[in-house]
Amino acid sequence: MPLASIHSLMAFPGDLAYPVAKAELVGFIRRIATDSAPTIRGHALAPGAIDSPALKAAPPEERRCIEKLARFNPVGTVHEGARAARFFLSEASAFMIGTMMAMPSCWTAGWRVQQP
């Protein structure tokens, strides 16, 4: 299952290529779904920050910015992403075609990104 990003839905200052590439990936998946459904239903996950080695290796200013995004934990876990993927692979999502599931914590709920 393709891994999009919350960046495909939101713009962050100084970041152009990454969100454009992720938005193109979502469009590509939706096109595959429309051409191939119901054999291929074409879904993508679009997480926000996930507790991973890549996040731990991010520059301190980037981690501080992520931590400021919400009053509750803005970082998801790998297990939360896996549960979302299992949903897409199950019969419970059989009626869904070409869907992107945003898993942004609070990022798309009206919070403003504040630069550190």
Protein backbone atom coordinates (compact mmCIF):
# COMPACT_ATOMS: atom_id res chain seq x y z
CA MET A 1 0.00 0.00 0.00
CA PRO A 2 1.47 3.36 -0.98
CA LEU A 3 2.47 5.71 1.78
CA ALA A 4 1.44 9.25 0.96
CA SER A 5 1.88 11.99 3.56
CA ILE A 6 -0.08 14.63 5.38
CA HIS A 7 2.09 16.97 3.29
CA SER A 8 -0.09 16.05 0.29
CA LEU A 9 -2.93 17.97 2.02
CA MET A 10 -1.06 20.82 3.67
CA ALA A 11 1.61 23.30 2.69
CA PHE A 12 4.55 24.08 4.94
CA PRO A 13 6.89 27.05 4.36
CA GLY A 14 9.99 26.26 2.34
CA ASP A 15 8.83 22.81 1.27
CA LEU A 16 7.87 22.34 -2.39
CA ALA A 17 9.05 19.07 -3.95
CA TYR A 18 7.96 16.67 -1.20
CA PRO A 19 4.28 17.69 -0.95
CA VAL A 20 3.98 17.87 -4.73
CA ALA A 21 5.39 14.35 -5.09
CA LYS A 22 3.06 12.98 -2.40
CA ALA A 23 0.00 14.66 -3.97
CA GLU A 24 0.97 13.16 -7.33
CA LEU A 25 1.20 9.74 -5.70
CA VAL A 26 -2.36 10.10 -4.36
CA GLY A 27 -3.60 11.10 -7.83
CA PHE A 28 -1.80 8.13 -9.38
CA ILE A 29 -3.38 5.72 -6.88
CA ARG A 30 -6.84 7.14 -7.56
CA ARG A 31 -6.30 6.74 -11.29
CA ILE A 32 -5.27 3.10 -10.83
CA ALA A 33 -8.41 2.57 -8.74
CA THR A 34 -10.73 4.05 -11.35
CA ASP A 35 -9.12 2.02 -14.13
CA SER A 36 -8.87 -1.27 -12.23
CA ALA A 37 -11.70 -1.44 -9.67
CA PRO A 38 -12.92 -3.66 -8.17
CA THR A 39 -9.87 -5.88 -8.77
CA ILE A 40 -7.53 -3.15 -7.48
CA ARG A 41 -9.21 -0.71 -5.12
CA GLY A 42 -6.23 1.64 -4.81
CA HIS A 43 -5.83 3.15 -1.35
CA ALA A 44 -3.10 5.25 0.26
CA LEU A 45 -2.25 6.19 3.83
CA ALA A 46 -1.28 9.78 4.59
CA PRO A 47 0.21 9.96 8.07
CA GLY A 48 1.58 12.93 9.89
CA ALA A 49 4.62 12.45 12.09
CA ILE A 50 5.25 8.81 13.02
CA ASP A 51 7.56 7.76 15.85
CA SER A 52 10.30 6.18 13.76
CA PRO A 53 14.08 6.21 13.32
CA ALA A 54 13.67 8.93 10.66
CA LEU A 55 11.82 11.20 13.09
CA LYS A 56 14.38 10.57 15.81
CA ALA A 57 17.11 11.56 13.33
CA ALA A 58 15.33 14.80 12.30
CA PRO A 59 16.96 18.09 13.24
CA PRO A 60 16.00 19.37 16.71
CA GLU A 61 14.19 22.42 15.27
CA GLU A 62 11.94 20.15 13.17
CA ARG A 63 11.08 17.99 16.19
CA ARG A 64 10.29 21.12 18.26
CA CYS A 65 7.96 22.35 15.51
CA ILE A 66 6.13 19.00 15.51
CA GLU A 67 5.81 19.07 19.29
CA LYS A 68 4.24 22.57 19.15
CA LEU A 69 1.48 21.48 16.78
CA ALA A 70 -0.88 20.19 19.44
CA ARG A 71 -1.62 20.11 23.11
CA PHE A 72 -1.87 16.33 22.89
CA ASN A 73 0.58 13.87 21.36
CA PRO A 74 1.03 14.87 17.70
CA VAL A 75 3.18 11.82 16.89
CA GLY A 76 1.60 8.56 15.73
CA THR A 77 2.97 5.06 16.10
CA VAL A 78 3.84 2.43 13.53
CA HIS A 79 1.12 0.24 15.07
CA GLU A 80 -1.53 2.90 14.37
CA GLY A 81 -0.48 2.98 10.73
CA ALA A 82 -0.58 -0.81 10.55
CA ARG A 83 -4.15 -0.86 11.89
CA ALA A 84 -5.21 1.60 9.18
CA ALA A 85 -3.56 -0.55 6.51
CA ARG A 86 -5.32 -3.66 7.85
CA PHE A 87 -8.64 -1.83 7.57
CA PHE A 88 -8.01 -1.11 3.88
CA LEU A 89 -7.10 -4.75 3.30
CA SER A 90 -10.21 -6.05 5.08
CA GLU A 91 -13.76 -6.60 3.88
CA ALA A 92 -14.82 -3.66 6.05
CA SER A 93 -13.46 -1.33 3.36
CA ALA A 94 -14.80 -3.28 0.35
CA PHE A 95 -17.05 -0.36 -0.61
CA MET A 96 -14.13 2.11 -0.71
CA ILE A 97 -12.25 2.76 -3.96
CA GLY A 98 -9.41 5.25 -4.50
CA THR A 99 -9.37 6.45 -0.91
CA MET A 100 -6.63 8.27 0.94
CA MET A 101 -6.81 7.97 4.71
CA ALA A 102 -5.33 11.00 6.43
CA MET A 103 -3.80 10.16 9.81
CA PRO A 104 -2.62 13.61 10.80
CA SER A 105 -3.19 13.80 14.55
CA CYS A 106 -4.37 17.42 14.79
CA TRP A 107 -2.58 18.77 11.71
CA THR A 108 -5.68 19.21 9.55
CA ALA A 109 -8.04 20.23 12.35
CA GLY A 110 -7.30 23.93 12.05
CA TRP A 111 -4.05 24.14 13.97
CA ARG A 112 -1.50 26.57 12.62
CA VAL A 113 2.09 25.54 12.08
CA GLN A 114 4.36 27.88 13.96
CA GLN A 115 7.98 28.07 13.04
CA PRO A 116 10.37 27.58 15.97
